[in-house]
Amino acid sequence: MEQHDVGALVVVKPGERKLIAGIITERGKVSQSHQGGRYHDRRASYATADIHTQNKLITVASDTSLLQAMQLMTEYGIRHVPVIDGKMTAMISIRDVIQAIVEEQQKELKRLNEFIRRGY
C-alpha cells in the first residue's frame, strides 16, 4: 500500500458475485502492527481477515451528495467509502471530499470577487 501511495484496499469475498467483505486501511494496518502495546514490523504479512474492517461496511451510491458522504464519514469516523451502484464503481477518500469542498469554495470566492468588482 505504501509503495503505491494507496490508503485503502477493498477485500472481496470469493465467488462469482465479488461482494465486498471489508476494507483494509493504512490506519488499520498500523493499528494491527501496534497491537497489544508491542510493535510488530509494519512490513509483516497479515491475513486480510485479521486487518480488514469487521464492522458494518458503510457505502454510498454515485448520486449521494458530497455533504451526505462527508456526514457519513464523520459519523462513523471513517476515511474511505466505496461507491456502489450494483457493483463497486469507485472509492471516495476524505482527501477527495476536502478537495471538492476547497474547489467549491474557490469558485464561490471567484463569483463573489467578480460581483464586488462590478459594483452594487
Protein backbone atom coordinates (compact mmCIF):
# COMPACT_ATOMS: atom_id res chain seq x y z
CA MET A 1 0.00 0.00 0.00
CA GLU A 2 2.74 2.41 0.97
CA GLN A 3 4.74 1.68 -2.16
CA HIS A 4 1.78 2.64 -4.40
CA ASP A 5 0.55 5.53 -2.19
CA VAL A 6 -2.77 3.78 -1.56
CA GLY A 7 -4.63 4.45 1.69
CA ALA A 8 -7.26 1.72 1.39
CA LEU A 9 -7.91 -1.55 -0.41
CA VAL A 10 -11.19 -3.38 -0.86
CA VAL A 11 -11.37 -7.01 0.30
CA VAL A 12 -13.63 -9.07 -1.95
CA LYS A 13 -15.38 -12.28 -0.89
CA PRO A 14 -14.51 -15.25 -3.10
CA GLY A 15 -17.14 -16.24 -5.63
CA GLU A 16 -18.81 -15.04 -8.78
CA ARG A 17 -20.65 -12.06 -7.31
CA LYS A 18 -17.49 -10.47 -5.87
CA LEU A 19 -19.23 -8.96 -2.85
CA ILE A 20 -17.21 -6.64 -0.65
CA ALA A 21 -16.04 -8.29 2.57
CA GLY A 22 -14.42 -5.18 4.01
CA ILE A 23 -11.72 -2.58 3.59
CA ILE A 24 -8.07 -2.68 4.59
CA THR A 25 -6.86 0.78 5.54
CA GLU A 26 -3.44 2.14 6.24
CA ARG A 27 -4.65 3.19 9.69
CA GLY A 28 -5.99 -0.31 10.38
CA LYS A 29 -2.73 -1.87 9.29
CA VAL A 30 -0.77 0.46 11.59
CA SER A 31 -3.13 -0.34 14.48
CA GLN A 32 -2.60 -4.05 13.87
CA SER A 33 1.19 -3.61 13.87
CA HIS A 34 1.00 -1.99 17.34
CA GLN A 35 -1.49 -4.46 18.82
CA GLY A 36 -1.04 -5.35 22.46
CA GLY A 37 1.33 -2.46 23.11
CA ARG A 38 4.08 -4.18 21.18
CA TYR A 39 5.37 -3.02 17.84
CA HIS A 40 5.34 -5.56 15.01
CA ASP A 41 7.24 -4.97 11.79
CA ARG A 42 4.93 -2.90 9.57
CA ARG A 43 6.19 -4.83 6.55
CA ALA A 44 5.00 -8.09 8.09
CA SER A 45 2.34 -10.09 6.30
CA TYR A 46 -1.10 -10.28 7.81
CA ALA A 47 -4.13 -12.31 6.81
CA THR A 48 -6.71 -9.94 5.34
CA ALA A 49 -9.31 -11.30 7.76
CA ASP A 50 -7.13 -10.02 10.63
CA ILE A 51 -6.89 -6.43 9.45
CA HIS A 52 -9.88 -5.55 7.26
CA THR A 53 -12.94 -3.82 8.67
CA GLN A 54 -15.07 -6.15 10.74
CA ASN A 55 -17.89 -3.71 11.44
CA LYS A 56 -20.78 -2.65 9.25
CA LEU A 57 -19.44 -1.60 5.86
CA ILE A 58 -20.54 1.95 5.03
CA THR A 59 -21.10 2.62 1.31
CA VAL A 60 -22.63 5.34 -0.85
CA ALA A 61 -24.21 5.45 -4.31
CA SER A 62 -22.94 7.61 -7.16
CA ASP A 63 -25.87 10.01 -6.65
CA THR A 64 -25.03 10.56 -2.96
CA SER A 65 -24.28 14.22 -2.31
CA LEU A 66 -20.88 15.37 -1.15
CA LEU A 67 -22.47 16.61 2.08
CA GLN A 68 -24.09 13.22 2.75
CA ALA A 69 -20.80 11.38 2.14
CA MET A 70 -18.98 13.79 4.44
CA GLN A 71 -21.63 13.32 7.15
CA LEU A 72 -21.30 9.51 6.95
CA MET A 73 -17.52 9.69 7.13
CA THR A 74 -17.73 11.98 10.16
CA GLU A 75 -20.45 9.98 11.91
CA TYR A 76 -18.64 6.65 11.54
CA GLY A 77 -15.08 8.01 11.86
CA ILE A 78 -14.01 6.58 8.51
CA ARG A 79 -11.74 7.95 5.80
CA HIS A 80 -12.73 5.80 2.82
CA VAL A 81 -16.17 4.91 1.43
CA PRO A 82 -16.85 2.57 -1.50
CA VAL A 83 -19.27 3.82 -4.15
CA ILE A 84 -21.70 1.03 -5.02
CA ASP A 85 -24.10 1.07 -7.98
CA GLY A 86 -24.93 -2.62 -8.29
CA LYS A 87 -21.17 -3.17 -8.11
CA MET A 88 -18.29 -1.14 -6.75
CA THR A 89 -17.53 1.72 -9.11
CA ALA A 90 -15.18 3.91 -7.05
CA MET A 91 -13.76 4.71 -3.64
CA ILE A 92 -14.13 8.15 -2.05
CA SER A 93 -11.49 9.27 0.44
CA ILE A 94 -11.61 12.11 2.92
CA ARG A 95 -8.95 13.75 0.74
CA ASP A 96 -11.40 13.67 -2.20
CA VAL A 97 -14.09 15.27 -0.06
CA ILE A 98 -11.81 18.04 1.18
CA GLN A 99 -10.51 18.71 -2.33
CA ALA A 100 -14.07 19.01 -3.69
CA ILE A 101 -15.06 21.40 -0.88
CA VAL A 102 -11.99 23.57 -1.46
CA GLU A 103 -12.77 23.72 -5.20
CA GLU A 104 -16.38 24.72 -4.47
CA GLN A 105 -15.21 27.43 -2.07
CA GLN A 106 -12.71 28.76 -4.61
CA LYS A 107 -15.45 29.01 -7.24
CA GLU A 108 -17.73 30.81 -4.80
CA LEU A 109 -14.94 33.22 -3.83
CA LYS A 110 -14.29 33.96 -7.51
CA ARG A 111 -18.01 34.68 -8.09
CA LEU A 112 -18.13 37.00 -5.08
CA ASN A 113 -15.00 38.87 -6.16
CA GLU A 114 -16.46 39.36 -9.64
CA PHE A 115 -19.69 40.64 -8.10
CA ILE A 116 -17.77 43.12 -5.92
CA ARG A 117 -15.72 44.38 -8.90
CA ARG A 118 -18.92 45.11 -10.86
CA GLY A 119 -20.23 47.22 -8.01
CA TYR A 120 -23.58 47.27 -6.32
